[in-house]
Structure formats: C-alpha cells, structure tokens
Amino acid sequence: MFDQQGFDRDPEQIHRNYFNRGTRTQSAGLTLELEGSQEVREAAARVLEAARAVPHLSEDHDNYEDAQEKTQHMWEAINEFVRVARTRLAL
C-alpha cells in the first residue's frame, strides 16, 4: 500500500521506519522548540502524537483496520505539519 507520493502506507513498515529515525526526530523537535512558532510546534506535536497511536499489528492482523485508520490520521497530521512549516518557517 502506497500513497500518491509513493510512500509506504503499511502501518507495520511505518512503525519500523519511524522508530529507526527516532534520534533525528528528537533533534528536529529541539530545533523546532528553539526556532519554530507556536503553530509549528503544535503541528509537530500532533504528528508525534498520531505516530505514537499507530499500534503494532497483532500476529493474526485482527487490528489491521485500526492500525490502518490510525496510520491515515498520522499522514493527515504530517500533511498539516508540512503545510504549516512551509508557511511559517523561512528556509
């Protein structure tokens, strides 16, 4: 399962990808805390909150629909963060 940009939408793969990038996320969070506006910090916090809510798939995948729904919420939060960051941060 991939989104329109070709990114993986499988909840379990997303979990692995994001846990592997934890250090960079913490570093980016510190930068946002120091340099970002309140709106940017809040959007970033919503991404982290949504990512933490994506459950690991159970052995029998009986929670797949829940994981898929929470993964969709995470992608919506990411898209909103990108929108806010592009309008608020001077890059």
C-alpha atoms as a PDB file:
ATOM      1  CA  MET A   1       0.000   0.000   0.000  1.00  0.00           C
ATOM      2  CA  PHE A   2       1.463   3.333  -1.072  1.00  0.00           C
ATOM      3  CA  ASP A   3       0.172   6.892  -1.074  1.00  0.00           C
ATOM      4  CA  GLN A   4       0.178   9.238  -4.071  1.00  0.00           C
ATOM      5  CA  GLN A   5       3.823  10.188  -3.482  1.00  0.00           C
ATOM      6  CA  GLY A   6       4.879   6.521  -3.415  1.00  0.00           C
ATOM      7  CA  PHE A   7       5.436   6.366   0.350  1.00  0.00           C
ATOM      8  CA  ASP A   8       4.664   3.147   2.177  1.00  0.00           C
ATOM      9  CA  ARG A   9       1.309   3.219   3.962  1.00  0.00           C
ATOM     10  CA  ASP A  10       1.621  -0.160   5.670  1.00  0.00           C
ATOM     11  CA  PRO A  11       1.306   0.529   9.432  1.00  0.00           C
ATOM     12  CA  GLU A  12       3.964  -2.009  10.465  1.00  0.00           C
ATOM     13  CA  GLN A  13       6.530  -0.692   7.965  1.00  0.00           C
ATOM     14  CA  ILE A  14       5.807   2.876   9.023  1.00  0.00           C
ATOM     15  CA  HIS A  15       6.386   1.880  12.636  1.00  0.00           C
ATOM     16  CA  ARG A  16       9.778   0.391  11.776  1.00  0.00           C
ATOM     17  CA  ASN A  17      10.755   3.422   9.706  1.00  0.00           C
ATOM     18  CA  TYR A  18       9.821   5.933  12.375  1.00  0.00           C
ATOM     19  CA  PHE A  19      11.398   4.079  15.277  1.00  0.00           C
ATOM     20  CA  ASN A  20      14.632   3.875  13.276  1.00  0.00           C
ATOM     21  CA  ARG A  21      14.528   7.642  12.828  1.00  0.00           C
ATOM     22  CA  GLY A  22      13.879   8.488  16.468  1.00  0.00           C
ATOM     23  CA  THR A  23      17.156  10.318  17.033  1.00  0.00           C
ATOM     24  CA  ARG A  24      16.642  12.594  14.058  1.00  0.00           C
ATOM     25  CA  THR A  25      13.086  13.287  15.168  1.00  0.00           C
ATOM     26  CA  GLN A  26      14.287  14.336  18.615  1.00  0.00           C
ATOM     27  CA  SER A  27      16.920  16.596  17.068  1.00  0.00           C
ATOM     28  CA  ALA A  28      14.365  18.169  14.747  1.00  0.00           C
ATOM     29  CA  GLY A  29      11.991  18.625  17.690  1.00  0.00           C
ATOM     30  CA  LEU A  30      14.649  20.535  19.601  1.00  0.00           C
ATOM     31  CA  THR A  31      15.247  22.788  16.597  1.00  0.00           C
ATOM     32  CA  LEU A  32      11.517  23.450  16.294  1.00  0.00           C
ATOM     33  CA  GLU A  33      11.291  24.160  20.013  1.00  0.00           C
ATOM     34  CA  LEU A  34      14.046  26.760  19.712  1.00  0.00           C
ATOM     35  CA  GLU A  35      13.168  28.305  16.353  1.00  0.00           C
ATOM     36  CA  GLY A  36       9.607  27.378  15.462  1.00  0.00           C
ATOM     37  CA  SER A  37       6.452  29.350  16.111  1.00  0.00           C
ATOM     38  CA  GLN A  38       3.770  28.050  18.445  1.00  0.00           C
ATOM     39  CA  GLU A  39       1.763  26.911  15.428  1.00  0.00           C
ATOM     40  CA  VAL A  40       4.718  24.896  14.061  1.00  0.00           C
ATOM     41  CA  ARG A  41       5.431  23.312  17.449  1.00  0.00           C
ATOM     42  CA  GLU A  42       1.794  22.323  17.871  1.00  0.00           C
ATOM     43  CA  ALA A  43       1.663  20.799  14.374  1.00  0.00           C
ATOM     44  CA  ALA A  44       4.843  18.820  15.115  1.00  0.00           C
ATOM     45  CA  ALA A  45       3.381  17.600  18.407  1.00  0.00           C
ATOM     46  CA  ARG A  46       0.272  16.367  16.567  1.00  0.00           C
ATOM     47  CA  VAL A  47       2.481  14.329  14.211  1.00  0.00           C
ATOM     48  CA  LEU A  48       4.298  12.676  17.105  1.00  0.00           C
ATOM     49  CA  GLU A  49       1.046  12.009  18.953  1.00  0.00           C
ATOM     50  CA  ALA A  50      -0.524  10.447  15.859  1.00  0.00           C
ATOM     51  CA  ALA A  51       2.582   8.322  15.159  1.00  0.00           C
ATOM     52  CA  ARG A  52       2.630   7.001  18.715  1.00  0.00           C
ATOM     53  CA  ALA A  53      -1.028   5.965  18.351  1.00  0.00           C
ATOM     54  CA  VAL A  54      -0.331   3.594  15.430  1.00  0.00           C
ATOM     55  CA  PRO A  55      -0.367   0.127  17.004  1.00  0.00           C
ATOM     56  CA  HIS A  56       1.882  -2.773  16.104  1.00  0.00           C
ATOM     57  CA  LEU A  57      -0.011  -5.347  14.114  1.00  0.00           C
ATOM     58  CA  SER A  58      -1.045  -8.402  16.060  1.00  0.00           C
ATOM     59  CA  GLU A  59       0.089 -11.845  14.899  1.00  0.00           C
ATOM     60  CA  ASP A  60      -3.268 -12.548  13.281  1.00  0.00           C
ATOM     61  CA  HIS A  61      -3.604  -8.960  11.989  1.00  0.00           C
ATOM     62  CA  ASP A  62      -7.017  -8.635  13.634  1.00  0.00           C
ATOM     63  CA  ASN A  63      -6.209  -4.998  14.453  1.00  0.00           C
ATOM     64  CA  TYR A  64      -5.288  -4.121  10.850  1.00  0.00           C
ATOM     65  CA  GLU A  65      -8.257  -1.809  10.281  1.00  0.00           C
ATOM     66  CA  ASP A  66      -7.484   0.129  13.468  1.00  0.00           C
ATOM     67  CA  ALA A  67      -3.807   0.374  12.521  1.00  0.00           C
ATOM     68  CA  GLN A  68      -4.699   1.495   9.022  1.00  0.00           C
ATOM     69  CA  GLU A  69      -7.077   4.172  10.329  1.00  0.00           C
ATOM     70  CA  LYS A  70      -4.505   5.492  12.805  1.00  0.00           C
ATOM     71  CA  THR A  71      -1.862   5.462  10.083  1.00  0.00           C
ATOM     72  CA  GLN A  72      -4.168   7.608   7.949  1.00  0.00           C
ATOM     73  CA  HIS A  73      -4.543  10.054  10.864  1.00  0.00           C
ATOM     74  CA  MET A  74      -0.761  10.216  11.125  1.00  0.00           C
ATOM     75  CA  TRP A  75      -0.415  11.032   7.423  1.00  0.00           C
ATOM     76  CA  GLU A  76      -3.041  13.756   7.770  1.00  0.00           C
ATOM     77  CA  ALA A  77      -1.049  15.223  10.668  1.00  0.00           C
ATOM     78  CA  ILE A  78       2.146  15.066   8.592  1.00  0.00           C
ATOM     79  CA  ASN A  79       0.468  16.822   5.669  1.00  0.00           C
ATOM     80  CA  GLU A  80      -0.796  19.550   8.019  1.00  0.00           C
ATOM     81  CA  PHE A  81       2.673  19.948   9.554  1.00  0.00           C
ATOM     82  CA  VAL A  82       4.204  20.336   6.091  1.00  0.00           C
ATOM     83  CA  ARG A  83       1.617  22.999   5.215  1.00  0.00           C
ATOM     84  CA  VAL A  84       2.246  24.925   8.441  1.00  0.00           C
ATOM     85  CA  ALA A  85       6.021  24.577   8.228  1.00  0.00           C
ATOM     86  CA  ARG A  86       6.114  25.838   4.651  1.00  0.00           C
ATOM     87  CA  THR A  87       4.101  28.924   5.546  1.00  0.00           C
ATOM     88  CA  ARG A  88       5.835  29.671   8.879  1.00  0.00           C
ATOM     89  CA  LEU A  89       9.472  28.662   8.517  1.00  0.00           C
ATOM     90  CA  ALA A  90      11.847  30.622   6.328  1.00  0.00           C
ATOM     91  CA  LEU A  91      14.036  28.008   4.688  1.00  0.00           C
END
